[in-house]
Amino acid sequence: TASFTKSCSGFTCTFNASASTGATSYSWAFGDGSSGTGVIVSHPYAARGNYTVTLTVSDGSTTSSASQGVSCNPKRCQ
């Protein structure tokens, strides 16, 4: 089951999927056209705006997804 937390410092956000259960692969879509893999990933946002971050996990036979929003203003993301 996909689950993740986020924390942002400035315009870089770190996403942690260690709360996901039964997962053997982790795929991220950061909402700005970029993607990544791994349990813990960091991503810098280049422009202000609202982004939907989606984590997709798989155990080899089934997949699960979870999404959260990231909002970036002129000073920082949150």
N, C-alpha and C. Protein backbone atom coordinates (compact mmCIF):
# COMPACT_ATOMS: atom_id res chain seq x y z
N THR A 1 0.84 -1.19 0.00
CA THR A 1 0.00 0.00 0.00
C THR A 1 0.88 1.25 0.00
N ALA A 2 0.62 2.14 -0.93
CA ALA A 2 1.43 3.35 -1.06
C ALA A 2 1.09 4.36 0.02
N SER A 3 2.12 4.94 0.61
CA SER A 3 1.96 5.99 1.61
C SER A 3 3.27 6.75 1.68
N PHE A 4 3.19 8.09 1.81
CA PHE A 4 4.43 8.85 1.92
C PHE A 4 4.24 10.14 2.68
N THR A 5 5.35 10.65 3.18
CA THR A 5 5.38 11.94 3.85
C THR A 5 6.21 12.89 3.01
N LYS A 6 6.04 14.18 3.24
CA LYS A 6 6.84 15.18 2.53
C LYS A 6 7.33 16.22 3.50
N SER A 7 8.48 16.79 3.20
CA SER A 7 8.99 17.95 3.92
C SER A 7 9.73 18.81 2.92
N CYS A 8 9.56 20.11 3.03
CA CYS A 8 10.17 21.03 2.07
C CYS A 8 11.06 22.03 2.79
N SER A 9 12.17 22.37 2.16
CA SER A 9 13.06 23.42 2.62
C SER A 9 13.36 24.30 1.42
N GLY A 10 12.91 25.53 1.46
CA GLY A 10 13.05 26.38 0.28
C GLY A 10 12.20 25.81 -0.85
N PHE A 11 12.82 25.57 -1.99
CA PHE A 11 12.11 25.03 -3.14
C PHE A 11 12.38 23.55 -3.37
N THR A 12 13.07 22.90 -2.44
CA THR A 12 13.36 21.47 -2.56
C THR A 12 12.53 20.70 -1.55
N CYS A 13 11.83 19.69 -2.04
CA CYS A 13 11.01 18.85 -1.18
C CYS A 13 11.59 17.44 -1.15
N THR A 14 11.52 16.83 0.03
CA THR A 14 11.94 15.45 0.22
C THR A 14 10.71 14.61 0.50
N PHE A 15 10.62 13.49 -0.20
CA PHE A 15 9.48 12.59 -0.09
C PHE A 15 9.98 11.25 0.43
N ASN A 16 9.27 10.71 1.41
CA ASN A 16 9.70 9.49 2.08
C ASN A 16 8.56 8.47 2.03
N ALA A 17 8.80 7.36 1.34
CA ALA A 17 7.79 6.32 1.16
C ALA A 17 8.01 5.13 2.07
N SER A 18 8.80 5.28 3.13
CA SER A 18 9.10 4.14 3.99
C SER A 18 7.87 3.61 4.73
N ALA A 19 6.80 4.40 4.79
CA ALA A 19 5.56 3.93 5.42
C ALA A 19 4.74 3.02 4.51
N SER A 20 5.13 2.90 3.24
CA SER A 20 4.43 2.01 2.31
C SER A 20 4.65 0.57 2.75
N THR A 21 3.61 -0.24 2.65
CA THR A 21 3.71 -1.63 3.09
C THR A 21 3.74 -2.58 1.90
N GLY A 22 4.61 -3.58 1.97
CA GLY A 22 4.67 -4.61 0.95
C GLY A 22 5.31 -4.21 -0.36
N ALA A 23 5.89 -3.02 -0.42
CA ALA A 23 6.42 -2.52 -1.69
C ALA A 23 7.84 -2.99 -1.94
N THR A 24 8.12 -3.30 -3.21
CA THR A 24 9.49 -3.64 -3.62
C THR A 24 10.02 -2.67 -4.66
N SER A 25 9.14 -1.86 -5.26
CA SER A 25 9.59 -0.81 -6.17
C SER A 25 8.77 0.45 -5.92
N TYR A 26 9.44 1.60 -6.13
CA TYR A 26 8.87 2.90 -5.82
C TYR A 26 9.09 3.84 -7.00
N SER A 27 8.01 4.38 -7.53
CA SER A 27 8.10 5.28 -8.67
C SER A 27 7.37 6.58 -8.33
N TRP A 28 8.02 7.71 -8.63
CA TRP A 28 7.48 9.02 -8.28
C TRP A 28 7.20 9.85 -9.53
N ALA A 29 6.11 10.59 -9.52
CA ALA A 29 5.83 11.65 -10.50
C ALA A 29 5.66 12.93 -9.69
N PHE A 30 6.51 13.92 -9.96
CA PHE A 30 6.56 15.11 -9.12
C PHE A 30 5.59 16.22 -9.52
N GLY A 31 4.82 16.01 -10.57
CA GLY A 31 3.79 16.97 -10.96
C GLY A 31 4.27 18.07 -11.88
N ASP A 32 5.57 18.11 -12.15
CA ASP A 32 6.12 19.13 -13.04
C ASP A 32 6.76 18.51 -14.28
N GLY A 33 6.43 17.26 -14.55
CA GLY A 33 7.00 16.56 -15.70
C GLY A 33 8.21 15.73 -15.35
N SER A 34 8.69 15.83 -14.12
CA SER A 34 9.86 15.06 -13.68
C SER A 34 9.40 13.83 -12.92
N SER A 35 10.28 12.82 -12.89
CA SER A 35 9.97 11.59 -12.18
C SER A 35 11.21 11.08 -11.47
N GLY A 36 11.03 10.10 -10.61
CA GLY A 36 12.15 9.53 -9.88
C GLY A 36 11.79 8.16 -9.34
N THR A 37 12.79 7.49 -8.76
CA THR A 37 12.58 6.19 -8.15
C THR A 37 13.31 6.16 -6.82
N GLY A 38 12.86 5.27 -5.93
CA GLY A 38 13.52 5.10 -4.65
C GLY A 38 12.58 5.34 -3.50
N VAL A 39 12.99 4.89 -2.32
CA VAL A 39 12.16 5.04 -1.12
C VAL A 39 12.15 6.49 -0.65
N ILE A 40 13.32 7.12 -0.62
CA ILE A 40 13.43 8.52 -0.22
C ILE A 40 14.04 9.31 -1.37
N VAL A 41 13.33 10.34 -1.83
CA VAL A 41 13.81 11.14 -2.95
C VAL A 41 13.65 12.62 -2.62
N SER A 42 14.52 13.44 -3.19
CA SER A 42 14.40 14.89 -3.08
C SER A 42 14.20 15.46 -4.48
N HIS A 43 13.42 16.52 -4.55
CA HIS A 43 13.14 17.13 -5.85
C HIS A 43 13.06 18.65 -5.71
N PRO A 44 13.82 19.38 -6.52
CA PRO A 44 13.72 20.84 -6.52
C PRO A 44 12.64 21.31 -7.51
N TYR A 45 11.85 22.25 -7.10
CA TYR A 45 10.85 22.85 -7.98
C TYR A 45 11.37 24.18 -8.49
N ALA A 46 11.27 24.38 -9.81
CA ALA A 46 11.87 25.55 -10.46
C ALA A 46 10.92 26.74 -10.55
N ALA A 47 9.63 26.50 -10.39
CA ALA A 47 8.68 27.60 -10.57
C ALA A 47 7.58 27.51 -9.51
N ARG A 48 7.03 28.66 -9.17
CA ARG A 48 5.92 28.65 -8.22
C ARG A 48 4.70 28.02 -8.89
N GLY A 49 3.82 27.48 -8.08
CA GLY A 49 2.61 26.84 -8.59
C GLY A 49 2.19 25.71 -7.68
N ASN A 50 1.15 25.02 -8.09
CA ASN A 50 0.63 23.88 -7.34
C ASN A 50 0.92 22.60 -8.12
N TYR A 51 1.44 21.62 -7.44
CA TYR A 51 1.85 20.37 -8.06
C TYR A 51 1.23 19.19 -7.31
N THR A 52 0.90 18.14 -8.04
CA THR A 52 0.41 16.91 -7.43
C THR A 52 1.50 15.86 -7.56
N VAL A 53 1.99 15.40 -6.42
CA VAL A 53 3.04 14.38 -6.37
C VAL A 53 2.36 13.03 -6.20
N THR A 54 2.72 12.09 -7.06
CA THR A 54 2.12 10.76 -7.01
C THR A 54 3.20 9.71 -6.82
N LEU A 55 3.00 8.87 -5.83
CA LEU A 55 3.86 7.71 -5.59
C LEU A 55 3.11 6.47 -6.04
N THR A 56 3.78 5.64 -6.84
CA THR A 56 3.23 4.34 -7.23
C THR A 56 4.19 3.27 -6.74
N VAL A 57 3.69 2.34 -5.96
CA VAL A 57 4.51 1.24 -5.46
C VAL A 57 4.00 -0.07 -6.03
N SER A 58 4.89 -1.04 -6.08
CA SER A 58 4.53 -2.36 -6.58
C SER A 58 5.22 -3.42 -5.75
N ASP A 59 4.57 -4.57 -5.62
CA ASP A 59 5.20 -5.71 -4.96
C ASP A 59 5.55 -6.79 -5.99
N GLY A 60 5.47 -6.43 -7.27
CA GLY A 60 5.77 -7.36 -8.34
C GLY A 60 4.51 -7.89 -9.02
N SER A 61 3.38 -7.88 -8.30
CA SER A 61 2.15 -8.36 -8.93
C SER A 61 1.01 -7.35 -8.84
N THR A 62 1.00 -6.52 -7.80
CA THR A 62 -0.03 -5.49 -7.68
C THR A 62 0.63 -4.13 -7.48
N THR A 63 -0.12 -3.08 -7.82
CA THR A 63 0.37 -1.72 -7.63
C THR A 63 -0.60 -0.93 -6.79
N SER A 64 -0.09 0.10 -6.16
CA SER A 64 -0.89 1.01 -5.34
C SER A 64 -0.32 2.41 -5.52
N SER A 65 -1.20 3.40 -5.51
CA SER A 65 -0.76 4.79 -5.68
C SER A 65 -1.31 5.68 -4.58
N ALA A 66 -0.57 6.73 -4.27
CA ALA A 66 -0.99 7.76 -3.33
C ALA A 66 -0.51 9.10 -3.85
N SER A 67 -1.28 10.15 -3.61
CA SER A 67 -0.93 11.49 -4.09
C SER A 67 -1.04 12.51 -2.97
N GLN A 68 -0.21 13.55 -3.07
CA GLN A 68 -0.28 14.71 -2.17
C GLN A 68 0.03 15.96 -2.99
N GLY A 69 -0.45 17.07 -2.53
CA GLY A 69 -0.18 18.33 -3.19
C GLY A 69 1.04 19.03 -2.62
N VAL A 70 1.74 19.76 -3.50
CA VAL A 70 2.82 20.65 -3.11
C VAL A 70 2.49 22.02 -3.67
N SER A 71 2.56 23.02 -2.81
CA SER A 71 2.27 24.38 -3.25
C SER A 71 3.54 25.23 -3.08
N CYS A 72 3.97 25.84 -4.18
CA CYS A 72 5.18 26.67 -4.17
C CYS A 72 4.80 28.12 -4.41
N ASN A 73 5.15 28.98 -3.47
CA ASN A 73 4.93 30.42 -3.63
C ASN A 73 6.29 31.06 -3.96
N PRO A 74 6.37 32.36 -4.11
CA PRO A 74 7.66 32.96 -4.49
C PRO A 74 8.78 32.75 -3.48
N LYS A 75 8.47 32.37 -2.26
CA LYS A 75 9.52 32.21 -1.24
C LYS A 75 9.88 30.76 -0.93
N ARG A 76 8.90 29.83 -1.04
CA ARG A 76 9.19 28.45 -0.69
C ARG A 76 8.06 27.54 -1.12
N CYS A 77 8.32 26.24 -1.04
CA CYS A 77 7.29 25.23 -1.28
C CYS A 77 6.84 24.66 0.06
N GLN A 78 5.63 24.16 0.07
CA GLN A 78 5.12 23.50 1.27
C GLN A 78 4.11 22.43 0.90
